[in-house]
N, C-alpha and C. Protein backbone atom coordinates (compact mmCIF):
# COMPACT_ATOMS: atom_id res chain seq x y z
N MET A 1 77.31 42.48 7.72
CA MET A 1 76.26 43.47 7.56
C MET A 1 74.94 42.90 8.06
N ILE A 2 74.22 43.66 8.83
CA ILE A 2 72.96 43.20 9.40
C ILE A 2 71.83 43.38 8.37
N PRO A 3 70.99 42.35 8.17
CA PRO A 3 69.87 42.48 7.22
C PRO A 3 68.88 43.56 7.68
N VAL A 4 68.29 44.23 6.71
CA VAL A 4 67.30 45.27 6.99
C VAL A 4 66.02 44.94 6.23
N TYR A 5 64.89 45.07 6.93
CA TYR A 5 63.58 44.81 6.34
C TYR A 5 62.70 46.04 6.53
N GLY A 6 61.81 46.24 5.59
CA GLY A 6 60.94 47.41 5.63
C GLY A 6 61.59 48.57 4.91
N THR A 7 60.77 49.49 4.52
CA THR A 7 61.24 50.67 3.79
C THR A 7 61.31 51.86 4.72
N ARG A 8 62.47 52.48 4.75
CA ARG A 8 62.64 53.70 5.55
C ARG A 8 62.08 54.86 4.74
N LYS A 9 61.08 55.54 5.29
CA LYS A 9 60.45 56.67 4.60
C LYS A 9 61.32 57.90 4.71
N THR A 10 61.59 58.52 3.58
CA THR A 10 62.40 59.72 3.54
C THR A 10 61.72 60.82 4.35
N GLY A 11 62.49 61.47 5.21
CA GLY A 11 61.98 62.57 6.02
C GLY A 11 61.30 62.14 7.30
N GLN A 12 61.05 60.85 7.47
CA GLN A 12 60.41 60.36 8.69
C GLN A 12 61.48 60.08 9.75
N ARG A 13 61.24 60.55 10.96
CA ARG A 13 62.16 60.27 12.06
C ARG A 13 61.79 58.94 12.69
N TYR A 14 62.80 58.13 12.97
CA TYR A 14 62.60 56.82 13.58
C TYR A 14 63.31 56.78 14.92
N ARG A 15 62.70 56.09 15.88
CA ARG A 15 63.33 55.90 17.18
C ARG A 15 63.86 54.47 17.25
N LEU A 16 65.11 54.31 17.64
CA LEU A 16 65.69 52.99 17.78
C LEU A 16 64.98 52.25 18.90
N ARG A 17 64.53 51.05 18.59
CA ARG A 17 63.80 50.24 19.56
C ARG A 17 64.40 48.83 19.57
N PRO A 18 65.37 48.57 20.47
CA PRO A 18 65.95 47.23 20.54
C PRO A 18 64.98 46.24 21.18
N GLY A 19 65.02 45.01 20.69
CA GLY A 19 64.16 43.97 21.23
C GLY A 19 64.84 42.62 21.19
N ALA A 20 64.36 41.71 22.03
CA ALA A 20 64.88 40.35 22.11
C ALA A 20 63.74 39.38 21.81
N TYR A 21 63.99 38.43 20.92
CA TYR A 21 62.97 37.50 20.45
C TYR A 21 63.53 36.09 20.48
N ALA A 22 62.65 35.09 20.61
CA ALA A 22 63.11 33.72 20.77
C ALA A 22 62.57 32.80 19.69
N LEU A 23 63.47 31.96 19.21
CA LEU A 23 63.10 30.81 18.40
C LEU A 23 63.09 29.65 19.39
N LEU A 24 61.89 29.17 19.71
CA LEU A 24 61.72 28.12 20.70
C LEU A 24 61.34 26.83 19.99
N VAL A 25 62.17 25.82 20.14
CA VAL A 25 61.99 24.55 19.42
C VAL A 25 61.85 23.43 20.44
N ARG A 26 60.84 22.59 20.21
CA ARG A 26 60.62 21.43 21.08
C ARG A 26 60.02 20.32 20.24
N GLU A 27 60.68 19.17 20.25
CA GLU A 27 60.21 18.00 19.51
C GLU A 27 59.94 18.34 18.04
N GLY A 28 60.84 19.14 17.46
CA GLY A 28 60.76 19.47 16.04
C GLY A 28 59.71 20.50 15.68
N ARG A 29 59.09 21.13 16.66
CA ARG A 29 58.06 22.14 16.40
C ARG A 29 58.51 23.47 16.98
N VAL A 30 57.96 24.54 16.42
CA VAL A 30 58.33 25.91 16.81
C VAL A 30 57.16 26.54 17.54
N LEU A 31 57.45 27.17 18.67
CA LEU A 31 56.42 27.86 19.42
C LEU A 31 56.26 29.28 18.87
N LEU A 32 55.05 29.59 18.44
CA LEU A 32 54.72 30.94 17.98
C LEU A 32 53.68 31.53 18.90
N THR A 33 53.69 32.83 18.99
CA THR A 33 52.61 33.52 19.67
C THR A 33 51.75 34.20 18.61
N HIS A 34 50.45 34.20 18.86
CA HIS A 34 49.53 34.91 17.96
C HIS A 34 49.01 36.12 18.72
N GLN A 35 49.14 37.28 18.11
CA GLN A 35 48.72 38.53 18.73
C GLN A 35 47.53 39.08 17.96
N LYS A 36 46.45 39.37 18.65
CA LYS A 36 45.23 39.87 18.00
C LYS A 36 45.35 41.33 17.58
N THR A 37 45.89 42.18 18.47
CA THR A 37 45.96 43.60 18.17
C THR A 37 47.36 44.12 18.48
N PRO A 38 47.85 45.16 17.87
CA PRO A 38 47.19 46.00 16.87
C PRO A 38 47.16 45.35 15.48
N HIS A 39 47.96 44.27 15.29
CA HIS A 39 47.94 43.55 14.02
C HIS A 39 47.64 42.09 14.34
N ASP A 40 46.72 41.51 13.63
CA ASP A 40 46.38 40.10 13.80
C ASP A 40 47.47 39.29 13.12
N GLU A 41 48.46 38.79 13.92
CA GLU A 41 49.58 38.10 13.29
C GLU A 41 50.25 37.10 14.22
N PHE A 42 50.92 36.14 13.59
CA PHE A 42 51.79 35.21 14.30
C PHE A 42 53.18 35.84 14.35
N GLN A 43 53.91 35.54 15.43
CA GLN A 43 55.25 36.09 15.58
C GLN A 43 56.08 35.22 16.50
N LEU A 44 57.39 35.40 16.42
CA LEU A 44 58.26 34.80 17.41
C LEU A 44 58.01 35.55 18.71
N PRO A 45 57.95 34.84 19.85
CA PRO A 45 57.72 35.55 21.10
C PRO A 45 58.91 36.43 21.46
N GLY A 46 58.59 37.56 22.03
CA GLY A 46 59.62 38.51 22.45
C GLY A 46 59.10 39.92 22.32
N GLY A 47 59.98 40.87 22.57
CA GLY A 47 59.57 42.26 22.48
C GLY A 47 60.66 43.21 22.92
N GLY A 48 60.23 44.44 23.18
CA GLY A 48 61.15 45.51 23.47
C GLY A 48 61.92 45.34 24.76
N ILE A 49 63.14 45.85 24.73
CA ILE A 49 64.00 45.86 25.90
C ILE A 49 63.75 47.18 26.63
N ASP A 50 63.32 47.09 27.88
CA ASP A 50 63.03 48.28 28.68
C ASP A 50 64.32 48.99 29.08
N PRO A 51 64.27 50.31 29.33
CA PRO A 51 65.47 51.04 29.77
C PRO A 51 66.07 50.39 31.01
N GLY A 52 67.39 50.16 30.98
CA GLY A 52 68.10 49.55 32.09
C GLY A 52 68.02 48.03 32.13
N GLU A 53 67.30 47.43 31.20
CA GLU A 53 67.12 45.98 31.17
C GLU A 53 68.12 45.36 30.19
N SER A 54 68.64 44.20 30.52
CA SER A 54 69.54 43.50 29.60
C SER A 54 68.71 42.76 28.55
N PRO A 55 69.30 42.48 27.38
CA PRO A 55 68.57 41.72 26.37
C PRO A 55 68.09 40.35 26.88
N LEU A 56 68.91 39.66 27.67
CA LEU A 56 68.51 38.34 28.17
C LEU A 56 67.37 38.43 29.18
N HIS A 57 67.40 39.44 30.03
CA HIS A 57 66.29 39.61 30.98
C HIS A 57 65.01 39.91 30.22
N ALA A 58 65.10 40.78 29.22
CA ALA A 58 63.93 41.11 28.41
C ALA A 58 63.40 39.86 27.69
N LEU A 59 64.32 39.04 27.18
CA LEU A 59 63.92 37.82 26.49
C LEU A 59 63.10 36.92 27.41
N HIS A 60 63.61 36.66 28.60
CA HIS A 60 62.89 35.81 29.55
C HIS A 60 61.53 36.42 29.91
N ARG A 61 61.50 37.71 30.19
CA ARG A 61 60.26 38.39 30.58
C ARG A 61 59.24 38.34 29.45
N GLU A 62 59.66 38.74 28.25
CA GLU A 62 58.73 38.82 27.12
C GLU A 62 58.20 37.44 26.73
N VAL A 63 59.07 36.43 26.70
CA VAL A 63 58.61 35.08 26.35
C VAL A 63 57.57 34.62 27.37
N PHE A 64 57.84 34.84 28.65
CA PHE A 64 56.87 34.43 29.67
C PHE A 64 55.54 35.17 29.52
N GLU A 65 55.60 36.49 29.33
CA GLU A 65 54.36 37.27 29.19
C GLU A 65 53.53 36.82 27.99
N GLU A 66 54.20 36.52 26.89
CA GLU A 66 53.48 36.21 25.65
C GLU A 66 53.12 34.74 25.48
N THR A 67 53.77 33.85 26.26
CA THR A 67 53.52 32.42 26.07
C THR A 67 53.20 31.66 27.35
N GLY A 68 53.62 32.17 28.50
CA GLY A 68 53.47 31.43 29.75
C GLY A 68 54.58 30.42 29.99
N TRP A 69 55.56 30.36 29.07
CA TRP A 69 56.66 29.40 29.18
C TRP A 69 57.90 30.04 29.80
N CYS A 70 58.62 29.27 30.61
CA CYS A 70 59.96 29.63 31.07
C CYS A 70 60.94 28.98 30.11
N ILE A 71 62.05 29.65 29.87
CA ILE A 71 63.03 29.17 28.89
C ILE A 71 64.40 28.97 29.54
N ALA A 72 65.24 28.19 28.86
CA ALA A 72 66.61 27.94 29.34
C ALA A 72 67.57 27.98 28.17
N ALA A 73 68.83 28.17 28.49
CA ALA A 73 69.96 28.08 27.56
C ALA A 73 69.82 28.95 26.32
N PRO A 74 69.47 30.23 26.48
CA PRO A 74 69.38 31.07 25.28
C PRO A 74 70.74 31.28 24.63
N ARG A 75 70.75 31.22 23.30
CA ARG A 75 71.98 31.42 22.51
C ARG A 75 71.62 32.32 21.33
N ARG A 76 72.36 33.39 21.17
CA ARG A 76 72.04 34.34 20.10
C ARG A 76 72.28 33.73 18.73
N LEU A 77 71.24 33.81 17.88
CA LEU A 77 71.32 33.30 16.51
C LEU A 77 71.69 34.39 15.51
N GLY A 78 71.20 35.59 15.73
CA GLY A 78 71.44 36.66 14.78
C GLY A 78 70.59 37.87 15.11
N ALA A 79 70.60 38.81 14.19
CA ALA A 79 69.86 40.05 14.39
C ALA A 79 69.48 40.63 13.04
N PHE A 80 68.47 41.49 13.06
CA PHE A 80 68.09 42.23 11.87
C PHE A 80 67.42 43.53 12.31
N ARG A 81 67.32 44.45 11.37
CA ARG A 81 66.63 45.73 11.62
C ARG A 81 65.35 45.75 10.82
N ARG A 82 64.33 46.41 11.37
CA ARG A 82 63.04 46.56 10.71
C ARG A 82 62.57 47.99 10.88
N TYR A 83 62.12 48.60 9.80
CA TYR A 83 61.51 49.92 9.87
C TYR A 83 60.00 49.73 9.85
N VAL A 84 59.34 50.15 10.92
CA VAL A 84 57.90 49.94 11.06
C VAL A 84 57.24 51.09 11.79
N TYR A 85 55.93 51.18 11.59
CA TYR A 85 55.11 52.06 12.42
C TYR A 85 54.44 51.19 13.46
N MET A 86 54.53 51.59 14.73
CA MET A 86 53.94 50.84 15.83
C MET A 86 52.74 51.62 16.36
N PRO A 87 51.53 51.30 15.88
CA PRO A 87 50.35 52.09 16.26
C PRO A 87 50.05 52.06 17.75
N GLU A 88 50.39 50.96 18.44
CA GLU A 88 50.11 50.88 19.87
C GLU A 88 50.90 51.91 20.67
N TYR A 89 52.01 52.42 20.09
CA TYR A 89 52.83 53.43 20.73
C TYR A 89 52.83 54.75 19.95
N ASP A 90 52.11 54.79 18.83
CA ASP A 90 52.14 55.93 17.91
C ASP A 90 53.60 56.31 17.64
N LEU A 91 54.36 55.30 17.16
CA LEU A 91 55.81 55.45 17.05
C LEU A 91 56.32 54.86 15.74
N TRP A 92 57.14 55.64 15.04
CA TRP A 92 57.89 55.12 13.90
C TRP A 92 59.18 54.58 14.49
N ALA A 93 59.41 53.27 14.30
CA ALA A 93 60.54 52.63 14.98
C ALA A 93 61.50 51.98 14.00
N GLU A 94 62.77 52.08 14.33
CA GLU A 94 63.80 51.28 13.73
C GLU A 94 64.09 50.18 14.75
N LYS A 95 63.45 49.03 14.55
CA LYS A 95 63.58 47.95 15.51
C LYS A 95 64.87 47.18 15.25
N LEU A 96 65.64 47.02 16.30
CA LEU A 96 66.83 46.18 16.26
C LEU A 96 66.42 44.87 16.93
N CYS A 97 66.17 43.85 16.13
CA CYS A 97 65.63 42.58 16.61
C CYS A 97 66.75 41.58 16.80
N MET A 98 67.01 41.21 18.06
CA MET A 98 68.02 40.20 18.39
C MET A 98 67.29 38.89 18.62
N ILE A 99 67.67 37.86 17.86
CA ILE A 99 66.98 36.57 17.92
C ILE A 99 67.85 35.56 18.64
N TYR A 100 67.25 34.87 19.60
CA TYR A 100 67.93 33.86 20.39
C TYR A 100 67.25 32.50 20.20
N LEU A 101 68.03 31.45 20.16
CA LEU A 101 67.52 30.10 20.22
C LEU A 101 67.47 29.74 21.70
N ALA A 102 66.35 29.20 22.17
CA ALA A 102 66.23 28.82 23.58
C ALA A 102 65.33 27.59 23.69
N ARG A 103 65.46 26.92 24.82
CA ARG A 103 64.63 25.74 25.08
C ARG A 103 63.45 26.13 25.96
N PRO A 104 62.23 25.84 25.53
CA PRO A 104 61.09 26.01 26.43
C PRO A 104 61.10 24.85 27.43
N VAL A 105 61.18 25.15 28.73
CA VAL A 105 61.36 24.08 29.71
C VAL A 105 60.18 23.89 30.66
N LEU A 106 59.37 24.92 30.89
CA LEU A 106 58.27 24.79 31.84
C LEU A 106 57.16 25.77 31.48
N ARG A 107 55.97 25.25 31.26
CA ARG A 107 54.83 26.14 31.02
C ARG A 107 54.15 26.37 32.36
N ARG A 108 54.11 27.64 32.77
CA ARG A 108 53.55 27.98 34.08
C ARG A 108 52.10 28.40 33.99
N GLY A 109 51.58 28.54 32.77
CA GLY A 109 50.19 28.93 32.61
C GLY A 109 50.00 29.58 31.26
N PRO A 110 48.83 30.16 31.05
CA PRO A 110 48.58 30.83 29.78
C PRO A 110 49.34 32.16 29.70
N PRO A 111 49.42 32.75 28.51
CA PRO A 111 50.07 34.05 28.38
C PRO A 111 49.42 35.08 29.31
N THR A 112 50.23 35.95 29.89
CA THR A 112 49.69 37.02 30.72
C THR A 112 49.47 38.29 29.91
N GLU A 113 50.05 38.35 28.72
CA GLU A 113 49.88 39.51 27.83
C GLU A 113 48.51 39.39 27.16
N PRO A 114 47.65 40.39 27.32
CA PRO A 114 46.32 40.30 26.71
C PRO A 114 46.40 40.14 25.18
N GLY A 115 45.49 39.32 24.65
CA GLY A 115 45.39 39.16 23.21
C GLY A 115 46.40 38.21 22.61
N HIS A 116 47.17 37.49 23.43
CA HIS A 116 48.17 36.54 22.92
C HIS A 116 47.70 35.11 23.17
N SER A 117 48.01 34.25 22.23
CA SER A 117 47.78 32.81 22.37
C SER A 117 48.97 32.08 21.77
N VAL A 118 49.13 30.81 22.14
CA VAL A 118 50.32 30.03 21.81
C VAL A 118 49.96 28.91 20.83
N TYR A 119 50.84 28.71 19.86
CA TYR A 119 50.66 27.65 18.86
C TYR A 119 52.00 26.98 18.60
N TRP A 120 51.99 25.66 18.49
CA TRP A 120 53.16 24.88 18.09
C TRP A 120 52.98 24.55 16.62
N LYS A 121 53.96 24.89 15.80
CA LYS A 121 53.89 24.69 14.36
C LYS A 121 55.15 23.99 13.86
N SER A 122 55.02 23.35 12.71
CA SER A 122 56.21 22.79 12.08
C SER A 122 57.09 23.95 11.64
N PRO A 123 58.38 23.71 11.42
CA PRO A 123 59.25 24.80 10.96
C PRO A 123 58.75 25.46 9.67
N ALA A 124 58.27 24.67 8.72
CA ALA A 124 57.78 25.24 7.46
C ALA A 124 56.54 26.11 7.70
N GLU A 125 55.63 25.63 8.55
CA GLU A 125 54.44 26.43 8.88
C GLU A 125 54.85 27.71 9.59
N ALA A 126 55.79 27.60 10.53
CA ALA A 126 56.23 28.78 11.28
C ALA A 126 56.81 29.83 10.35
N ALA A 127 57.68 29.40 9.43
CA ALA A 127 58.29 30.35 8.49
C ALA A 127 57.24 31.01 7.62
N ALA A 128 56.19 30.28 7.26
CA ALA A 128 55.14 30.83 6.40
C ALA A 128 54.17 31.73 7.17
N LEU A 129 53.99 31.48 8.46
CA LEU A 129 52.98 32.21 9.23
C LEU A 129 53.47 33.50 9.88
N VAL A 130 54.76 33.56 10.27
CA VAL A 130 55.20 34.74 11.00
C VAL A 130 54.98 36.01 10.18
N GLY A 131 54.64 37.08 10.89
CA GLY A 131 54.19 38.29 10.24
C GLY A 131 55.26 39.23 9.72
N ASN A 132 56.54 38.91 9.92
CA ASN A 132 57.55 39.80 9.36
C ASN A 132 58.65 38.98 8.69
N PRO A 133 59.23 39.52 7.63
CA PRO A 133 60.21 38.76 6.85
C PRO A 133 61.51 38.46 7.59
N GLY A 134 61.87 39.26 8.58
CA GLY A 134 63.07 38.98 9.35
C GLY A 134 62.93 37.72 10.17
N ASP A 135 61.79 37.56 10.85
CA ASP A 135 61.53 36.34 11.61
C ASP A 135 61.53 35.13 10.67
N ALA A 136 60.85 35.25 9.54
CA ALA A 136 60.75 34.15 8.57
C ALA A 136 62.14 33.74 8.08
N ALA A 137 62.99 34.72 7.78
CA ALA A 137 64.33 34.42 7.28
C ALA A 137 65.16 33.68 8.32
N LEU A 138 65.06 34.08 9.59
CA LEU A 138 65.82 33.39 10.63
C LEU A 138 65.31 31.98 10.87
N VAL A 139 64.00 31.77 10.82
CA VAL A 139 63.46 30.42 10.97
C VAL A 139 63.94 29.54 9.82
N ARG A 140 63.85 30.04 8.59
CA ARG A 140 64.31 29.26 7.43
C ARG A 140 65.81 28.96 7.52
N ARG A 141 66.58 29.96 7.92
CA ARG A 141 68.03 29.76 8.02
C ARG A 141 68.37 28.72 9.08
N TYR A 142 67.72 28.79 10.24
CA TYR A 142 68.01 27.84 11.30
C TYR A 142 67.67 26.41 10.88
N PHE A 143 66.55 26.24 10.19
CA PHE A 143 66.11 24.89 9.83
C PHE A 143 66.57 24.45 8.44
N LYS A 144 67.38 25.24 7.78
CA LYS A 144 67.80 24.95 6.40
C LYS A 144 68.29 23.52 6.22
N ASP A 145 69.16 23.06 7.05
CA ASP A 145 69.69 21.71 6.94
C ASP A 145 68.99 20.71 7.84
N ARG A 146 67.92 21.15 8.50
CA ARG A 146 67.22 20.28 9.43
C ARG A 146 65.87 19.81 8.89
N TRP A 147 65.39 20.40 7.78
CA TRP A 147 64.07 20.03 7.23
C TRP A 147 64.14 18.74 6.49
């Protein structure tokens, strides 16, 4: 059974929004992106899968846009669903979040996505800082026996 986060509002219509997100680990630290708007929050880099795009292509694209890093060897860790309102799209979404473990291998420059910045954090800091409970749960689960 896939974990679900957020409360589904009765009578509200939700649009399924699949996305690919990365847990990027290097030298025992986790790469997070900080997004200023529409919510000032830390998050695992990643985002929505465009129509006709594969999850892995979206993962590479989104990570690069939000961090400036190229990644290698993505491996799916898990998935969860989130019920949220996305003000930037004026959309009530049922997000299907697919999380991949990947290696950051080359930083080509700063994030190209406006309002994003990159931070390397310890696993405990990353789990405490990310803005949604699904990301936090996957970070904690991955590092459970590694802390």
